[in-house]
Amino acid sequence: MASAPMPDDWQRALVVAAHPDDIEYGLAAAVAVWTAAGKEVHYLLATRGEAGMEGVPPAEAGSVREEEERRSAAVVGVTEVEFLDHRDGTLVAGPELRRDLAAAIRRHRPELVVTGYFGATWTPPGVSPAYVNSADHRALGQSVIDAVADAANEWIFPDLAEERWTGVQYIAVGEMTDPPHEVDVSATVELAVASLSEHGRYLELLSDEPVAEQARQVVDMSTLEEDGGRRVGFRLFWG
């Protein structure tokens, strides 16, 4: 079945990720489409990714990765970037994380909440051995979905100071294989590459290839279709 376009009857989105650079591995191309159309998009990061740079102590890496994320967000038109300061690598799906996410949803008041793919593996069904998805990604994704309901409920976290928010219309979860909905990102590929390239110090530790080449390979892998078109896919849930 062909993918349907993403719904357009919303104005403000909150994109939620576990680490700096998660959004830039594909989703940022869709963000660039939305901001170019006049939509307001905010970013929410559960951690600062401080455990993600080999040889760089977390106290140093966290500030580096935060700054890289703020620069990469600006490339695609995002100026609001919030960090929750959970510890990188130890996210747990449960009330503590849900509470912080629900409070943030109430602060940002989105109609669309977006998060990345959080399945158990990155590998298509039936392929073995498979690439295991990050524990942080798995924990965050489920907690984001639950936190949307929490943000609308006055009794689950009654100590939250933020006024409850019932305005989330859709939750969009990144989907790599046969997505039911998609965003045509043909016009924003270069912005997506430039956005990921802002994670320069992080990418330099992953490969000897130049940062811009790494970024282009990632964007191609996450957006390029067999027919030459470009898309970012999503699975939608009601808010």
Protein backbone atom coordinates (compact mmCIF):
# COMPACT_ATOMS: atom_id res chain seq x y z
CA MET A 1 0.00 0.00 0.00
CA ALA A 2 1.31 3.44 -0.93
CA SER A 3 2.14 5.83 1.88
CA ALA A 4 -0.22 8.73 2.50
CA PRO A 5 1.02 12.27 3.11
CA MET A 6 1.36 13.43 6.69
CA PRO A 7 -1.63 15.44 7.93
CA ASP A 8 -1.16 19.19 7.78
CA ASP A 9 -3.84 20.41 10.21
CA TRP A 10 -1.43 21.40 12.98
CA GLN A 11 0.80 24.40 13.69
CA ARG A 12 3.22 23.48 16.51
CA ALA A 13 5.27 20.28 16.80
CA LEU A 14 7.51 18.91 19.52
CA VAL A 15 10.23 16.50 18.34
CA VAL A 16 11.48 14.31 21.19
CA ALA A 17 14.77 12.38 21.05
CA ALA A 18 17.07 10.57 23.44
CA HIS A 19 20.37 12.07 22.30
CA PRO A 20 21.86 14.93 20.28
CA ASP A 21 22.14 13.81 16.62
CA ASP A 22 19.17 11.37 16.82
CA ILE A 23 16.90 13.87 15.04
CA GLU A 24 19.54 14.57 12.39
CA TYR A 25 19.66 10.92 11.33
CA GLY A 26 16.68 11.47 9.03
CA LEU A 27 13.91 13.32 10.87
CA ALA A 28 15.55 16.74 10.41
CA ALA A 29 14.78 16.59 6.69
CA ALA A 30 11.07 16.51 7.54
CA VAL A 31 11.53 19.26 10.13
CA ALA A 32 13.03 21.48 7.44
CA VAL A 33 9.94 20.91 5.26
CA TRP A 34 7.66 21.88 8.13
CA THR A 35 9.51 25.02 9.18
CA ALA A 36 9.73 26.16 5.55
CA ALA A 37 5.93 25.87 5.42
CA GLY A 38 5.59 28.14 8.46
CA LYS A 39 5.15 25.46 11.12
CA GLU A 40 6.67 25.99 14.57
CA VAL A 41 8.90 23.11 15.68
CA HIS A 42 10.57 22.65 19.07
CA TYR A 43 13.13 20.01 20.09
CA LEU A 44 13.22 18.11 23.38
CA LEU A 45 16.26 15.97 24.25
CA ALA A 46 16.08 13.53 27.16
CA THR A 47 19.89 13.47 27.62
CA ARG A 48 22.90 15.47 26.48
CA GLY A 49 24.50 12.42 24.91
CA GLU A 50 27.42 12.72 27.30
CA ALA A 51 28.29 9.00 27.12
CA GLY A 52 28.50 8.98 23.34
CA MET A 53 32.02 10.23 22.56
CA GLU A 54 34.76 7.64 22.95
CA GLY A 55 37.73 9.05 24.85
CA VAL A 56 35.90 12.26 25.83
CA PRO A 57 34.80 12.44 29.48
CA PRO A 58 31.03 12.96 29.97
CA ALA A 59 31.55 16.34 31.67
CA GLU A 60 33.15 17.64 28.49
CA ALA A 61 31.15 15.66 25.95
CA GLY A 62 27.77 16.82 27.26
CA SER A 63 28.46 20.50 26.63
CA VAL A 64 29.99 19.74 23.21
CA ARG A 65 27.01 17.73 22.11
CA GLU A 66 24.50 20.26 23.42
CA GLU A 67 26.12 23.04 21.42
CA GLU A 68 26.28 20.87 18.31
CA GLU A 69 22.57 20.07 18.68
CA ARG A 70 21.59 23.71 19.03
CA ARG A 71 23.54 24.59 15.87
CA SER A 72 22.09 21.68 13.92
CA ALA A 73 18.55 22.63 14.99
CA ALA A 74 19.07 26.20 13.80
CA VAL A 75 20.01 24.95 10.32
CA VAL A 76 16.49 23.56 9.84
CA GLY A 77 14.69 26.50 11.44
CA VAL A 78 14.35 25.32 15.05
CA THR A 79 15.23 27.81 17.79
CA GLU A 80 13.63 26.16 20.85
CA VAL A 81 15.80 23.25 22.12
CA GLU A 82 15.27 21.90 25.64
CA PHE A 83 17.34 19.27 27.49
CA LEU A 84 15.90 17.22 30.35
CA ASP A 85 19.29 16.11 31.73
CA HIS A 86 18.54 12.45 32.21
CA ARG A 87 21.70 10.35 32.29
CA ASP A 88 22.81 9.14 28.86
CA GLY A 89 22.56 5.38 28.42
CA THR A 90 20.29 4.74 31.40
CA LEU A 91 16.82 5.88 30.32
CA VAL A 92 14.09 3.73 31.82
CA ALA A 93 10.51 3.63 30.57
CA GLY A 94 8.47 4.45 33.63
CA PRO A 95 6.88 7.15 35.77
CA GLU A 96 10.01 9.29 36.29
CA LEU A 97 10.70 9.73 32.58
CA ARG A 98 7.00 10.03 31.73
CA ARG A 99 6.58 12.75 34.34
CA ASP A 100 9.38 14.88 32.86
CA LEU A 101 8.11 14.34 29.32
CA ALA A 102 4.54 15.18 30.31
CA ALA A 103 5.70 18.42 31.93
CA ALA A 104 7.62 19.34 28.79
CA ILE A 105 4.63 18.59 26.57
CA ARG A 106 2.57 20.91 28.76
CA ARG A 107 5.23 23.64 28.44
CA HIS A 108 5.58 23.40 24.66
CA ARG A 109 1.87 22.74 23.95
CA PRO A 110 2.22 20.95 20.59
CA GLU A 111 -0.49 19.63 18.32
CA LEU A 112 1.97 17.11 16.86
CA VAL A 113 4.47 15.09 18.92
CA VAL A 114 7.22 13.37 16.94
CA THR A 115 9.74 10.78 18.07
CA GLY A 116 12.12 8.35 16.42
CA TYR A 117 11.78 4.66 15.67
CA PHE A 118 11.99 2.64 18.90
CA GLY A 119 11.61 -0.95 17.80
CA ALA A 120 13.87 -3.64 19.24
CA THR A 121 16.19 -3.73 16.21
CA TRP A 122 17.18 -1.61 13.21
CA THR A 123 17.06 -4.67 10.96
CA PRO A 124 14.13 -5.66 8.70
CA PRO A 125 12.03 -8.61 9.92
CA GLY A 126 13.53 -12.01 9.17
CA VAL A 127 17.13 -10.81 8.93
CA SER A 128 19.54 -12.44 11.39
CA PRO A 129 21.83 -11.45 13.03
CA ALA A 130 20.10 -8.12 13.60
CA TYR A 131 21.33 -4.70 14.72
CA VAL A 132 19.97 -3.95 18.19
CA ASN A 133 18.35 -0.56 18.74
CA SER A 134 19.65 1.59 21.60
CA ALA A 135 18.16 0.91 25.04
CA ASP A 136 17.60 4.67 25.38
CA HIS A 137 15.65 4.78 22.11
CA ARG A 138 13.45 1.88 23.16
CA ALA A 139 12.71 3.38 26.57
CA LEU A 140 12.10 6.88 25.30
CA GLY A 141 9.71 6.01 22.48
CA GLN A 142 7.21 4.17 24.63
CA SER A 143 7.45 6.84 27.31
CA VAL A 144 6.74 9.61 24.78
CA ILE A 145 3.52 7.91 23.69
CA ASP A 146 2.45 7.43 27.30
CA ALA A 147 3.43 10.97 28.30
CA VAL A 148 1.04 12.49 25.75
CA ALA A 149 -1.85 10.97 27.70
CA ASP A 150 -0.19 11.93 30.99
CA ALA A 151 0.06 15.56 29.89
CA ALA A 152 -3.71 15.63 29.35
CA ASN A 153 -4.60 13.94 32.63
CA GLU A 154 -4.95 16.12 35.71
CA TRP A 155 -4.61 13.24 38.20
CA ILE A 156 -1.58 11.14 37.12
CA PHE A 157 1.07 13.72 38.03
CA PRO A 158 -0.92 16.24 40.14
CA ASP A 159 2.25 17.90 41.47
CA LEU A 160 3.23 19.27 38.07
CA ALA A 161 3.08 23.05 37.98
CA GLU A 162 2.36 23.21 34.26
CA GLU A 163 -1.26 23.45 33.14
CA ARG A 164 -2.45 20.25 31.52
CA TRP A 165 -2.43 20.09 27.73
CA THR A 166 -5.09 18.20 25.78
CA GLY A 167 -4.21 19.64 22.38
CA VAL A 168 -2.00 16.87 20.92
CA GLN A 169 -3.78 15.68 17.78
CA TYR A 170 -1.19 13.22 16.48
CA ILE A 171 1.85 11.28 17.63
CA ALA A 172 4.25 10.51 14.77
CA VAL A 173 6.84 7.76 15.21
CA GLY A 174 9.64 7.38 12.68
CA GLU A 175 9.13 4.26 10.53
CA MET A 176 11.75 2.86 8.16
CA THR A 177 9.91 -0.04 6.50
CA ASP A 178 6.59 0.48 4.67
CA PRO A 179 5.56 3.64 6.56
CA PRO A 180 1.84 4.44 6.42
CA HIS A 181 2.63 8.18 6.14
CA GLU A 182 5.51 10.10 4.64
CA VAL A 183 6.94 13.56 4.07
CA ASP A 184 8.47 14.36 0.69
CA VAL A 185 11.89 15.79 1.60
CA SER A 186 13.32 16.18 -1.91
CA ALA A 187 13.71 19.93 -1.40
CA THR A 188 15.44 19.70 1.99
CA VAL A 189 18.18 17.11 1.50
CA GLU A 190 20.98 19.67 1.54
CA LEU A 191 19.63 21.25 4.71
CA ALA A 192 19.48 17.81 6.32
CA VAL A 193 23.11 17.14 5.38
CA ALA A 194 24.18 20.53 6.72
CA SER A 195 22.24 19.95 9.93
CA LEU A 196 23.92 16.61 10.63
CA SER A 197 27.30 18.06 9.70
CA GLU A 198 27.04 20.39 12.69
CA HIS A 199 27.77 17.34 14.85
CA GLY A 200 31.37 17.61 13.74
CA ARG A 201 33.30 16.52 16.83
CA TYR A 202 30.94 13.62 17.37
CA LEU A 203 31.18 12.37 13.77
CA GLU A 204 34.96 12.76 13.64
CA LEU A 205 35.23 10.07 16.31
CA LEU A 206 33.05 7.63 14.38
CA SER A 207 34.98 7.49 11.11
CA ASP A 208 38.04 8.78 9.27
CA GLU A 209 35.76 9.94 6.44
CA PRO A 210 35.15 13.69 6.23
CA VAL A 211 32.17 14.84 8.29
CA ALA A 212 30.23 16.12 5.26
CA GLU A 213 30.62 12.77 3.50
CA GLN A 214 29.43 10.88 6.57
CA ALA A 215 26.43 13.19 6.85
CA ARG A 216 25.48 12.73 3.20
CA GLN A 217 25.73 8.94 3.46
CA VAL A 218 23.44 8.94 6.49
CA VAL A 219 20.86 11.23 4.88
CA ASP A 220 20.92 9.14 1.70
CA MET A 221 20.45 5.95 3.70
CA SER A 222 17.51 7.36 5.65
CA THR A 223 15.66 9.22 2.87
CA LEU A 224 16.58 7.89 -0.60
CA GLU A 225 14.03 5.68 -2.37
CA GLU A 226 14.62 3.23 -5.20
CA ASP A 227 12.96 5.59 -7.68
CA GLY A 228 15.28 8.44 -6.70
CA GLY A 229 12.70 10.26 -4.61
CA ARG A 230 13.26 11.31 -1.03
CA ARG A 231 10.96 10.66 1.89
CA VAL A 232 10.85 10.40 5.66
CA GLY A 233 8.33 7.86 6.87
CA PHE A 234 6.11 7.85 9.95
CA ARG A 235 3.52 5.74 11.74
CA LEU A 236 0.76 7.89 13.25
CA PHE A 237 -1.22 7.50 16.46
CA TRP A 238 -4.02 9.65 17.81
CA GLY A 239 -2.95 12.06 20.53
